[in-house]
PDB file of N, CA and C in Angstrom:
ATOM      1  N   UNK A   1      10.292  12.331  12.766  1.00  0.00           N
ATOM      2  CA  UNK A   1       9.423  13.658  11.880  1.00  0.00           C
ATOM      3  C   UNK A   1       8.493  12.531  11.381  1.00  0.00           C
ATOM      4  N   UNK A   2       8.755  11.586  11.275  1.00  0.00           N
ATOM      5  CA  UNK A   2       7.449  10.237  10.414  1.00  0.00           C
ATOM      6  C   UNK A   2       5.958  10.696  11.175  1.00  0.00           C
ATOM      7  N   UNK A   3       6.251  10.570  12.407  1.00  0.00           N
ATOM      8  CA  UNK A   3       5.108  11.121  13.190  1.00  0.00           C
ATOM      9  C   UNK A   3       4.162  12.034  12.959  1.00  0.00           C
ATOM     10  N   UNK A   4       4.977  13.428  12.525  1.00  0.00           N
ATOM     11  CA  UNK A   4       4.006  14.429  12.584  1.00  0.00           C
ATOM     12  C   UNK A   4       3.597  14.148  11.106  1.00  0.00           C
ATOM     13  N   UNK A   5       4.388  13.418  10.343  1.00  0.00           N
ATOM     14  CA  UNK A   5       3.930  13.649   8.480  1.00  0.00           C
ATOM     15  C   UNK A   5       2.944  12.495   8.865  1.00  0.00           C
ATOM     16  N   UNK A   6       2.721  11.102   9.741  1.00  0.00           N
ATOM     17  CA  UNK A   6       1.832  10.590   9.786  1.00  0.00           C
ATOM     18  C   UNK A   6       0.413  11.313  10.106  1.00  0.00           C
ATOM     19  N   UNK A   7       0.683  12.259  10.953  1.00  0.00           N
ATOM     20  CA  UNK A   7      -0.612  12.912  11.466  1.00  0.00           C
ATOM     21  C   UNK A   7      -1.237  13.080  10.236  1.00  0.00           C
ATOM     22  N   UNK A   8      -1.068  13.689   8.982  1.00  0.00           N
ATOM     23  CA  UNK A   8      -1.757  14.409   7.945  1.00  0.00           C
ATOM     24  C   UNK A   8      -1.598  14.001   6.677  1.00  0.00           C
ATOM     25  N   UNK A   9      -1.052  12.269   6.109  1.00  0.00           N
ATOM     26  CA  UNK A   9      -0.766  12.065   5.596  1.00  0.00           C
ATOM     27  C   UNK A   9      -0.523  10.440   5.695  1.00  0.00           C
ATOM     28  N   UNK A  10      -1.150   9.714   4.949  1.00  0.00           N
ATOM     29  CA  UNK A  10      -0.843   8.198   5.345  1.00  0.00           C
ATOM     30  C   UNK A  10       0.544   7.717   4.719  1.00  0.00           C
ATOM     31  N   UNK A  11       1.519   6.638   5.975  1.00  0.00           N
ATOM     32  CA  UNK A  11       2.295   6.033   5.918  1.00  0.00           C
ATOM     33  C   UNK A  11       3.062   5.713   4.638  1.00  0.00           C
ATOM     34  N   UNK A  12       2.409   5.279   4.000  1.00  0.00           N
ATOM     35  CA  UNK A  12       2.903   4.313   2.722  1.00  0.00           C
ATOM     36  C   UNK A  12       2.349   4.864   1.763  1.00  0.00           C
ATOM     37  N   UNK A  13       0.708   5.502   1.465  1.00  0.00           N
ATOM     38  CA  UNK A  13       0.127   6.269   0.047  1.00  0.00           C
ATOM     39  C   UNK A  13       1.177   7.135  -0.467  1.00  0.00           C
ATOM     40  N   UNK A  14       1.299   7.976   0.881  1.00  0.00           N
ATOM     41  CA  UNK A  14       1.465   9.857   0.630  1.00  0.00           C
ATOM     42  C   UNK A  14       2.406   9.974  -0.665  1.00  0.00           C
ATOM     43  N   UNK A  15       2.484  10.570  -1.508  1.00  0.00           N
ATOM     44  CA  UNK A  15       3.233  10.181  -2.713  1.00  0.00           C
ATOM     45  C   UNK A  15       3.205   9.715  -3.778  1.00  0.00           C
ATOM     46  N   UNK A  16       2.563   8.237  -3.660  1.00  0.00           N
ATOM     47  CA  UNK A  16       2.700   7.213  -4.401  1.00  0.00           C
ATOM     48  C   UNK A  16       1.431   7.463  -5.542  1.00  0.00           C
ATOM     49  N   UNK A  17       1.861   7.463  -6.844  1.00  0.00           N
ATOM     50  CA  UNK A  17       0.756   7.234  -7.783  1.00  0.00           C
ATOM     51  C   UNK A  17       1.390   6.752  -8.791  1.00  0.00           C
ATOM     52  N   UNK A  18       0.647   5.667  -9.369  1.00  0.00           N
ATOM     53  CA  UNK A  18       1.760   4.037 -10.165  1.00  0.00           C
ATOM     54  C   UNK A  18       0.485   3.855 -11.427  1.00  0.00           C
ATOM     55  N   UNK A  19       1.487   4.160 -12.558  1.00  0.00           N
ATOM     56  CA  UNK A  19       0.834   3.506 -13.450  1.00  0.00           C
ATOM     57  C   UNK A  19       0.954   2.375 -14.205  1.00  0.00           C
ATOM     58  N   UNK A  20      -0.540   1.783 -14.957  1.00  0.00           N
ATOM     59  CA  UNK A  20      -0.531  -0.045 -15.361  1.00  0.00           C
ATOM     60  C   UNK A  20       0.122   0.147 -16.618  1.00  0.00           C
ATOM     61  N   UNK A  21       0.437  -0.461 -17.287  1.00  0.00           N
ATOM     62  CA  UNK A  21       0.509  -0.858 -18.551  1.00  0.00           C
ATOM     63  C   UNK A  21      -0.549  -0.664 -19.637  1.00  0.00           C
ATOM     64  N   UNK A  22      -1.820  -0.735 -19.024  1.00  0.00           N
ATOM     65  CA  UNK A  22      -2.343  -0.023 -19.502  1.00  0.00           C
ATOM     66  C   UNK A  22      -2.971   1.116 -19.819  1.00  0.00           C
ATOM     67  N   UNK A  23      -2.363   1.886 -18.683  1.00  0.00           N
ATOM     68  CA  UNK A  23      -2.171   3.555 -18.891  1.00  0.00           C
ATOM     69  C   UNK A  23      -2.776   3.726 -17.470  1.00  0.00           C
ATOM     70  N   UNK A  24      -3.714   2.991 -16.409  1.00  0.00           N
ATOM     71  CA  UNK A  24      -4.594   3.053 -15.680  1.00  0.00           C
ATOM     72  C   UNK A  24      -3.413   3.561 -14.712  1.00  0.00           C
ATOM     73  N   UNK A  25      -4.552   4.969 -13.776  1.00  0.00           N
ATOM     74  CA  UNK A  25      -4.231   5.195 -12.572  1.00  0.00           C
ATOM     75  C   UNK A  25      -3.826   5.015 -11.531  1.00  0.00           C
ATOM     76  N   UNK A  26      -3.111   4.786 -10.857  1.00  0.00           N
ATOM     77  CA  UNK A  26      -3.763   3.887  -9.523  1.00  0.00           C
ATOM     78  C   UNK A  26      -2.957   4.751  -8.158  1.00  0.00           C
ATOM     79  N   UNK A  27      -3.447   4.874  -6.962  1.00  0.00           N
ATOM     80  CA  UNK A  27      -2.719   5.194  -5.711  1.00  0.00           C
ATOM     81  C   UNK A  27      -2.383   4.498  -4.887  1.00  0.00           C
ATOM     82  N   UNK A  28      -1.674   3.262  -5.691  1.00  0.00           N
ATOM     83  CA  UNK A  28      -0.595   2.250  -5.637  1.00  0.00           C
ATOM     84  C   UNK A  28      -0.635   0.913  -6.348  1.00  0.00           C
ATOM     85  N   UNK A  29       0.650   0.901  -6.832  1.00  0.00           N
ATOM     86  CA  UNK A  29       0.890  -0.353  -7.469  1.00  0.00           C
ATOM     87  C   UNK A  29       0.074  -1.617  -7.291  1.00  0.00           C
ATOM     88  N   UNK A  30      -0.310  -2.053  -6.071  1.00  0.00           N
ATOM     89  CA  UNK A  30      -0.992  -3.063  -5.632  1.00  0.00           C
ATOM     90  C   UNK A  30      -2.399  -3.085  -5.470  1.00  0.00           C
ATOM     91  N   UNK A  31      -2.543  -1.984  -5.248  1.00  0.00           N
ATOM     92  CA  UNK A  31      -3.806  -1.416  -5.468  1.00  0.00           C
ATOM     93  C   UNK A  31      -5.015  -1.757  -6.841  1.00  0.00           C
ATOM     94  N   UNK A  32      -5.283  -2.591  -7.522  1.00  0.00           N
ATOM     95  CA  UNK A  32      -5.432  -2.810  -8.709  1.00  0.00           C
ATOM     96  C   UNK A  32      -7.071  -2.378  -8.880  1.00  0.00           C
ATOM     97  N   UNK A  33      -7.668  -2.297  -7.719  1.00  0.00           N
ATOM     98  CA  UNK A  33      -9.004  -1.893  -8.207  1.00  0.00           C
ATOM     99  C   UNK A  33      -9.634  -0.679  -7.590  1.00  0.00           C
ATOM    100  N   UNK A  34      -8.139  -0.347  -7.280  1.00  0.00           N
ATOM    101  CA  UNK A  34      -8.393   1.494  -7.130  1.00  0.00           C
ATOM    102  C   UNK A  34      -8.119   2.292  -7.985  1.00  0.00           C
ATOM    103  N   UNK A  35      -8.990   2.319  -9.099  1.00  0.00           N
ATOM    104  CA  UNK A  35      -8.095   2.963 -10.828  1.00  0.00           C
ATOM    105  C   UNK A  35      -8.850   4.263 -10.490  1.00  0.00           C
ATOM    106  N   UNK A  36      -8.047   5.153 -10.285  1.00  0.00           N
ATOM    107  CA  UNK A  36      -8.395   7.025 -10.508  1.00  0.00           C
ATOM    108  C   UNK A  36      -8.439   7.417 -11.756  1.00  0.00           C
ATOM    109  N   UNK A  37      -8.198   6.647 -12.957  1.00  0.00           N
ATOM    110  CA  UNK A  37      -8.313   7.077 -14.440  1.00  0.00           C
ATOM    111  C   UNK A  37      -7.591   6.550 -15.215  1.00  0.00           C
ATOM    112  N   UNK A  38      -7.117   7.285 -16.358  1.00  0.00           N
ATOM    113  CA  UNK A  38      -6.625   6.485 -17.199  1.00  0.00           C
ATOM    114  C   UNK A  38      -6.033   7.617 -18.482  1.00  0.00           C
ATOM    115  N   UNK A  39      -4.416   7.626 -18.461  1.00  0.00           N
ATOM    116  CA  UNK A  39      -3.622   8.960 -19.658  1.00  0.00           C
ATOM    117  C   UNK A  39      -4.126   8.667 -20.138  1.00  0.00           C
ATOM    118  N   UNK A  40      -5.282   8.126 -21.303  1.00  0.00           N
ATOM    119  CA  UNK A  40      -5.449   8.234 -22.579  1.00  0.00           C
ATOM    120  C   UNK A  40      -6.388   9.353 -22.620  1.00  0.00           C
ATOM    121  N   UNK A  41      -7.252   9.629 -21.447  1.00  0.00           N
ATOM    122  CA  UNK A  41      -8.075  10.407 -20.488  1.00  0.00           C
ATOM    123  C   UNK A  41      -7.614  12.014 -20.565  1.00  0.00           C
ATOM    124  N   UNK A  42      -7.084  13.019 -21.896  1.00  0.00           N
ATOM    125  CA  UNK A  42      -6.452  13.984 -21.661  1.00  0.00           C
ATOM    126  C   UNK A  42      -6.481  14.813 -20.651  1.00  0.00           C
ATOM    127  N   UNK A  43      -7.181  14.762 -20.114  1.00  0.00           N
ATOM    128  CA  UNK A  43      -8.092  15.542 -18.723  1.00  0.00           C
ATOM    129  C   UNK A  43      -7.988  14.759 -18.059  1.00  0.00           C
ATOM    130  N   UNK A  44      -6.942  13.752 -16.756  1.00  0.00           N
ATOM    131  CA  UNK A  44      -7.031  12.500 -15.955  1.00  0.00           C
ATOM    132  C   UNK A  44      -6.250  12.944 -15.247  1.00  0.00           C
ATOM    133  N   UNK A  45      -5.223  14.164 -15.598  1.00  0.00           N
ATOM    134  CA  UNK A  45      -4.001  14.707 -14.690  1.00  0.00           C
ATOM    135  C   UNK A  45      -5.256  15.710 -13.854  1.00  0.00           C
ATOM    136  N   UNK A  46      -5.645  16.532 -14.632  1.00  0.00           N
ATOM    137  CA  UNK A  46      -6.507  17.491 -13.646  1.00  0.00           C
ATOM    138  C   UNK A  46      -7.379  16.994 -12.937  1.00  0.00           C
ATOM    139  N   UNK A  47      -8.089  15.761 -13.533  1.00  0.00           N
ATOM    140  CA  UNK A  47      -8.821  14.578 -12.388  1.00  0.00           C
ATOM    141  C   UNK A  47      -8.789  15.007 -11.066  1.00  0.00           C
ATOM    142  N   UNK A  48      -7.304  13.985 -11.051  1.00  0.00           N
ATOM    143  CA  UNK A  48      -6.560  13.632 -10.260  1.00  0.00           C
ATOM    144  C   UNK A  48      -6.418  14.716  -9.448  1.00  0.00           C
ATOM    145  N   UNK A  49      -5.708  15.769  -9.782  1.00  0.00           N
ATOM    146  CA  UNK A  49      -4.899  16.683  -8.824  1.00  0.00           C
ATOM    147  C   UNK A  49      -5.641  17.887  -8.150  1.00  0.00           C
ATOM    148  N   UNK A  50      -6.419  18.858  -9.524  1.00  0.00           N
ATOM    149  CA  UNK A  50      -7.809  19.643  -9.570  1.00  0.00           C
ATOM    150  C   UNK A  50      -8.001  19.834  -8.623  1.00  0.00           C
ATOM    151  N   UNK A  51      -8.770  18.416  -8.581  1.00  0.00           N
ATOM    152  CA  UNK A  51     -10.255  17.604  -7.824  1.00  0.00           C
ATOM    153  C   UNK A  51     -10.102  17.082  -6.229  1.00  0.00           C
ATOM    154  N   UNK A  52      -7.742  16.980  -6.279  1.00  0.00           N
ATOM    155  CA  UNK A  52      -8.055  16.576  -5.063  1.00  0.00           C
ATOM    156  C   UNK A  52      -8.610  14.824  -4.646  1.00  0.00           C
ATOM    157  N   UNK A  53      -8.608  14.400  -5.523  1.00  0.00           N
ATOM    158  CA  UNK A  53      -9.111  13.066  -6.353  1.00  0.00           C
ATOM    159  C   UNK A  53      -8.104  12.472  -5.151  1.00  0.00           C
ATOM    160  N   UNK A  54      -6.581  12.362  -5.563  1.00  0.00           N
ATOM    161  CA  UNK A  54      -5.898  11.455  -5.024  1.00  0.00           C
ATOM    162  C   UNK A  54      -5.496  11.870  -3.531  1.00  0.00           C
ATOM    163  N   UNK A  55      -6.307  12.760  -3.023  1.00  0.00           N
ATOM    164  CA  UNK A  55      -5.766  13.095  -1.600  1.00  0.00           C
ATOM    165  C   UNK A  55      -7.039  11.881  -0.562  1.00  0.00           C
ATOM    166  N   UNK A  56      -7.839  11.417  -1.323  1.00  0.00           N
ATOM    167  CA  UNK A  56      -8.244  10.410  -0.364  1.00  0.00           C
ATOM    168  C   UNK A  56      -7.841   9.055  -0.039  1.00  0.00           C
ATOM    169  N   UNK A  57      -6.706   8.944  -0.931  1.00  0.00           N
ATOM    170  CA  UNK A  57      -5.307   8.499  -0.416  1.00  0.00           C
ATOM    171  C   UNK A  57      -4.277   8.639   0.161  1.00  0.00           C
ATOM    172  N   UNK A  58      -3.828   9.784  -0.209  1.00  0.00           N
ATOM    173  CA  UNK A  58      -3.012  10.395   0.421  1.00  0.00           C
ATOM    174  C   UNK A  58      -2.749  10.730   1.654  1.00  0.00           C
ATOM    175  N   UNK A  59      -4.498  11.580   2.171  1.00  0.00           N
ATOM    176  CA  UNK A  59      -4.339  12.157   2.799  1.00  0.00           C
ATOM    177  C   UNK A  59      -5.029  11.303   3.974  1.00  0.00           C
ATOM    178  N   UNK A  60      -5.528   9.785   4.214  1.00  0.00           N
ATOM    179  CA  UNK A  60      -5.963   8.861   4.858  1.00  0.00           C
ATOM    180  C   UNK A  60      -5.116   8.778   6.075  1.00  0.00           C
ATOM    181  N   UNK A  61      -5.139   9.299   6.826  1.00  0.00           N
ATOM    182  CA  UNK A  61      -4.251   9.070   7.810  1.00  0.00           C
ATOM    183  C   UNK A  61      -4.979   7.582   8.884  1.00  0.00           C
ATOM    184  N   UNK A  62      -4.350   6.801   9.925  1.00  0.00           N
ATOM    185  CA  UNK A  62      -4.478   5.887  10.426  1.00  0.00           C
ATOM    186  C   UNK A  62      -5.827   6.637  11.307  1.00  0.00           C
ATOM    187  N   UNK A  63      -6.578   7.707  11.646  1.00  0.00           N
ATOM    188  CA  UNK A  63      -7.244   8.079  12.320  1.00  0.00           C
ATOM    189  C   UNK A  63      -8.394   7.981  11.810  1.00  0.00           C
ATOM    190  N   UNK A  64      -8.573   7.356  10.281  1.00  0.00           N
ATOM    191  CA  UNK A  64      -9.251   7.254   9.287  1.00  0.00           C
ATOM    192  C   UNK A  64      -9.945   5.723   9.061  1.00  0.00           C
ATOM    193  N   UNK A  65      -9.295   4.554   9.802  1.00  0.00           N
ATOM    194  CA  UNK A  65      -9.478   3.763   9.991  1.00  0.00           C
ATOM    195  C   UNK A  65      -9.504   2.874  10.872  1.00  0.00           C
ATOM    196  N   UNK A  66     -11.106   1.834  10.563  1.00  0.00           N
ATOM    197  CA  UNK A  66     -11.234   1.024  11.452  1.00  0.00           C
ATOM    198  C   UNK A  66     -10.328   0.493  12.386  1.00  0.00           C
ATOM    199  N   UNK A  67     -10.686   0.809  13.704  1.00  0.00           N
ATOM    200  CA  UNK A  67      -9.356  -0.007  14.555  1.00  0.00           C
ATOM    201  C   UNK A  67      -8.234   0.466  15.059  1.00  0.00           C
ATOM    202  N   UNK A  68      -8.270   1.793  14.140  1.00  0.00           N
ATOM    203  CA  UNK A  68      -6.733   2.355  14.748  1.00  0.00           C
ATOM    204  C   UNK A  68      -7.117   3.918  15.343  1.00  0.00           C
ATOM    205  N   UNK A  69      -8.284   4.437  14.987  1.00  0.00           N
ATOM    206  CA  UNK A  69      -8.652   5.650  15.622  1.00  0.00           C
ATOM    207  C   UNK A  69      -7.993   5.635  17.056  1.00  0.00           C
ATOM    208  N   UNK A  70      -8.059   4.967  17.328  1.00  0.00           N
ATOM    209  CA  UNK A  70      -8.465   5.176  19.194  1.00  0.00           C
ATOM    210  C   UNK A  70      -6.546   4.789  19.608  1.00  0.00           C
ATOM    211  N   UNK A  71      -6.279   3.832  18.503  1.00  0.00           N
ATOM    212  CA  UNK A  71      -4.492   3.241  19.279  1.00  0.00           C
ATOM    213  C   UNK A  71      -3.836   4.716  19.185  1.00  0.00           C
ATOM    214  N   UNK A  72      -3.001   4.289  20.642  1.00  0.00           N
ATOM    215  CA  UNK A  72      -2.024   5.716  20.660  1.00  0.00           C
ATOM    216  C   UNK A  72      -0.859   5.468  19.848  1.00  0.00           C
ATOM    217  N   UNK A  73      -0.787   4.134  19.467  1.00  0.00           N
ATOM    218  CA  UNK A  73       0.331   4.351  17.762  1.00  0.00           C
ATOM    219  C   UNK A  73       0.294   4.613  16.457  1.00  0.00           C
ATOM    220  N   UNK A  74      -1.291   4.786  16.286  1.00  0.00           N
ATOM    221  CA  UNK A  74      -1.539   5.322  14.819  1.00  0.00           C
ATOM    222  C   UNK A  74      -1.143   6.004  14.336  1.00  0.00           C
ATOM    223  N   UNK A  75       0.418   6.818  14.507  1.00  0.00           N
ATOM    224  CA  UNK A  75       0.929   7.927  14.042  1.00  0.00           C
ATOM    225  C   UNK A  75       2.412   7.529  13.762  1.00  0.00           C
ATOM    226  N   UNK A  76       2.823   6.279  14.571  1.00  0.00           N
ATOM    227  CA  UNK A  76       3.891   6.507  14.223  1.00  0.00           C
ATOM    228  C   UNK A  76       4.006   4.522  13.843  1.00  0.00           C
ATOM    229  N   UNK A  77       2.953   3.931  13.327  1.00  0.00           N
ATOM    230  CA  UNK A  77       2.671   2.694  12.501  1.00  0.00           C
ATOM    231  C   UNK A  77       2.946   3.320  11.094  1.00  0.00           C
ATOM    232  N   UNK A  78       3.509   1.622  10.687  1.00  0.00           N
ATOM    233  CA  UNK A  78       3.336   1.620   9.023  1.00  0.00           C
ATOM    234  C   UNK A  78       2.564   0.518   8.457  1.00  0.00           C
ATOM    235  N   UNK A  79       1.562   1.235   8.015  1.00  0.00           N
ATOM    236  CA  UNK A  79       0.381   0.214   7.439  1.00  0.00           C
ATOM    237  C   UNK A  79       0.047   0.373   5.860  1.00  0.00           C
ATOM    238  N   UNK A  80      -0.266  -1.006   5.566  1.00  0.00           N
ATOM    239  CA  UNK A  80      -0.315  -1.139   3.853  1.00  0.00           C
ATOM    240  C   UNK A  80      -1.991  -1.188   3.534  1.00  0.00           C
ATOM    241  N   UNK A  81      -2.082   0.153   3.142  1.00  0.00           N
ATOM    242  CA  UNK A  81      -3.764  -0.045   2.584  1.00  0.00           C
ATOM    243  C   UNK A  81      -3.883  -1.296   1.359  1.00  0.00           C
ATOM    244  N   UNK A  82      -3.237  -1.704   0.599  1.00  0.00           N
ATOM    245  CA  UNK A  82      -3.459  -2.643  -0.576  1.00  0.00           C
ATOM    246  C   UNK A  82      -3.294  -3.841   0.267  1.00  0.00           C
ATOM    247  N   UNK A  83      -2.922  -4.369   1.673  1.00  0.00           N
ATOM    248  CA  UNK A  83      -2.941  -6.170   1.898  1.00  0.00           C
ATOM    249  C   UNK A  83      -4.229  -5.548   2.550  1.00  0.00           C
ATOM    250  N   UNK A  84      -4.206  -4.733   3.693  1.00  0.00           N
ATOM    251  CA  UNK A  84      -5.507  -4.725   4.592  1.00  0.00           C
ATOM    252  C   UNK A  84      -6.809  -4.342   3.325  1.00  0.00           C
ATOM    253  N   UNK A  85      -7.150  -3.680   2.451  1.00  0.00           N
ATOM    254  CA  UNK A  85      -8.155  -3.698   1.768  1.00  0.00           C
ATOM    255  C   UNK A  85      -8.563  -5.001   0.754  1.00  0.00           C
ATOM    256  N   UNK A  86      -6.670  -5.777   0.705  1.00  0.00           N
ATOM    257  CA  UNK A  86      -7.285  -6.936   0.005  1.00  0.00           C
ATOM    258  C   UNK A  86      -8.034  -8.156   0.938  1.00  0.00           C
ATOM    259  N   UNK A  87      -7.564  -7.884   2.224  1.00  0.00           N
ATOM    260  CA  UNK A  87      -7.752  -8.925   3.349  1.00  0.00           C
ATOM    261  C   UNK A  87      -9.539  -8.774   3.954  1.00  0.00           C
ATOM    262  N   UNK A  88      -9.889  -7.366   4.110  1.00  0.00           N
ATOM    263  CA  UNK A  88     -11.073  -6.561   4.865  1.00  0.00           C
ATOM    264  C   UNK A  88     -11.783  -6.525   3.741  1.00  0.00           C
ATOM    265  N   UNK A  89     -11.429  -6.393   2.054  1.00  0.00           N
ATOM    266  CA  UNK A  89     -12.411  -5.757   1.064  1.00  0.00           C
ATOM    267  C   UNK A  89     -12.884  -4.391   1.241  1.00  0.00           C
ATOM    268  N   UNK A  90     -12.316  -3.597   2.717  1.00  0.00           N
ATOM    269  CA  UNK A  90     -12.533  -2.163   2.386  1.00  0.00           C
ATOM    270  C   UNK A  90     -11.660  -1.107   2.340  1.00  0.00           C
ATOM    271  N   UNK A  91     -11.070   0.022   1.820  1.00  0.00           N
ATOM    272  CA  UNK A  91     -10.189   0.630   1.947  1.00  0.00           C
ATOM    273  C   UNK A  91      -9.560   1.216   3.216  1.00  0.00           C
ATOM    274  N   UNK A  92     -10.453   0.825   4.076  1.00  0.00           N
ATOM    275  CA  UNK A  92     -10.230   1.698   5.683  1.00  0.00           C
ATOM    276  C   UNK A  92     -10.342   0.361   6.646  1.00  0.00           C
ATOM    277  N   UNK A  93     -10.202  -0.453   5.940  1.00  0.00           N
ATOM    278  CA  UNK A  93     -10.508  -1.887   7.158  1.00  0.00           C
ATOM    279  C   UNK A  93      -9.074  -2.194   7.536  1.00  0.00           C
ATOM    280  N   UNK A  94      -9.106  -2.842   8.583  1.00  0.00           N
ATOM    281  CA  UNK A  94      -7.831  -3.343   9.392  1.00  0.00           C
ATOM    282  C   UNK A  94      -8.128  -4.727   9.998  1.00  0.00           C
ATOM    283  N   UNK A  95      -7.383  -5.638   9.077  1.00  0.00           N
ATOM    284  CA  UNK A  95      -6.964  -7.051   9.583  1.00  0.00           C
ATOM    285  C   UNK A  95      -5.695  -7.052  10.545  1.00  0.00           C
ATOM    286  N   UNK A  96      -4.875  -6.483  10.277  1.00  0.00           N
ATOM    287  CA  UNK A  96      -3.844  -6.812  10.491  1.00  0.00           C
ATOM    288  C   UNK A  96      -3.188  -5.702  11.610  1.00  0.00           C
ATOM    289  N   UNK A  97      -2.720  -6.332  12.845  1.00  0.00           N
ATOM    290  CA  UNK A  97      -2.347  -4.994  13.884  1.00  0.00           C
ATOM    291  C   UNK A  97      -1.058  -5.953  14.665  1.00  0.00           C
ATOM    292  N   UNK A  98       0.079  -5.767  15.081  1.00  0.00           N
ATOM    293  CA  UNK A  98       0.998  -6.047  15.158  1.00  0.00           C
ATOM    294  C   UNK A  98       0.800  -5.718  17.257  1.00  0.00           C
ATOM    295  N   UNK A  99       0.555  -4.400  17.382  1.00  0.00           N
ATOM    296  CA  UNK A  99      -0.231  -4.207  18.239  1.00  0.00           C
ATOM    297  C   UNK A  99      -0.981  -4.955  19.089  1.00  0.00           C
ATOM    298  N   UNK A 100      -2.327  -5.219  18.712  1.00  0.00           N
ATOM    299  CA  UNK A 100      -2.837  -6.176  19.009  1.00  0.00           C
ATOM    300  C   UNK A 100      -2.728  -7.494  19.711  1.00  0.00           C
ATOM    301  N   UNK A 101      -1.112  -7.962  19.139  1.00  0.00           N
ATOM    302  CA  UNK A 101      -0.818  -9.297  19.301  1.00  0.00           C
ATOM    303  C   UNK A 101      -0.178  -9.320  20.230  1.00  0.00           C
ATOM    304  N   UNK A 102       0.393  -7.787  20.421  1.00  0.00           N
ATOM    305  CA  UNK A 102       1.205  -7.678  22.182  1.00  0.00           C
ATOM    306  C   UNK A 102       0.721  -7.508  23.261  1.00  0.00           C
ATOM    307  N   UNK A 103      -0.328  -6.309  23.187  1.00  0.00           N
ATOM    308  CA  UNK A 103      -1.183  -5.392  23.991  1.00  0.00           C
ATOM    309  C   UNK A 103      -2.590  -5.899  24.248  1.00  0.00           C
ATOM    310  N   UNK A 104      -3.280  -6.210  24.890  1.00  0.00           N
ATOM    311  CA  UNK A 104      -5.063  -6.408  24.739  1.00  0.00           C
ATOM    312  C   UNK A 104      -5.222  -5.702  25.964  1.00  0.00           C
ATOM    313  N   UNK A 105      -6.097  -4.311  25.856  1.00  0.00           N
ATOM    314  CA  UNK A 105      -6.526  -3.970  27.073  1.00  0.00           C
ATOM    315  C   UNK A 105      -5.545  -3.567  28.070  1.00  0.00           C
ATOM    316  N   UNK A 106      -5.856  -4.172  29.141  1.00  0.00           N
ATOM    317  CA  UNK A 106      -4.607  -4.073  30.596  1.00  0.00           C
ATOM    318  C   UNK A 106      -4.175  -5.488  30.551  1.00  0.00           C
ATOM    319  N   UNK A 107      -3.653  -6.370  29.919  1.00  0.00           N
ATOM    320  CA  UNK A 107      -3.099  -7.675  29.672  1.00  0.00           C
ATOM    321  C   UNK A 107      -2.094  -7.988  28.763  1.00  0.00           C
ATOM    322  N   UNK A 108      -0.832  -8.128  29.156  1.00  0.00           N
ATOM    323  CA  UNK A 108       0.134  -8.882  28.102  1.00  0.00           C
ATOM    324  C   UNK A 108      -0.345  -9.326  27.958  1.00  0.00           C
ATOM    325  N   UNK A 109      -0.119  -9.962  26.458  1.00  0.00           N
ATOM    326  CA  UNK A 109       0.220 -11.258  25.645  1.00  0.00           C
ATOM    327  C   UNK A 109       1.263 -11.689  25.654  1.00  0.00           C
ATOM    328  N   UNK A 110       1.569 -13.187  25.937  1.00  0.00           N
ATOM    329  CA  UNK A 110       2.720 -13.631  25.435  1.00  0.00           C
ATOM    330  C   UNK A 110       2.948 -14.198  24.189  1.00  0.00           C
TER     331      UNK A 110
END
C-alpha cells in the first residue's frame, strides 16, 4: 500500500499542515522556514489549496529528490524533508541514506 502511495505523494509530508502559535501555516511542524501563509490573511486557505501551493510538498515524491531519483528503493523509503533540508539547505537535498551505507554499486560494505 505505501509503495503505491509513495509513487505520487511524499511518504512523510503528504496530508500534513502545521500551524504555529503566530498563525503561520507550515508543510511540517519542523519546517519553520517554509511558511505557506498566515491565518491572519482571510485568503490563506484559498491560496494554499486552490492554487495547489501545498502540492509542492505533498506531491514531492522521492523521484524529485537529488540522490533518490535513480534509487530502486525510493518508493519504499521513509524520508524526512525537514531533516534533509536542515542538513543540505535545500528542500530537495539528500544527505542521509541508509541504502548508501549498505550498498555502493556492486560492492557490499560491512
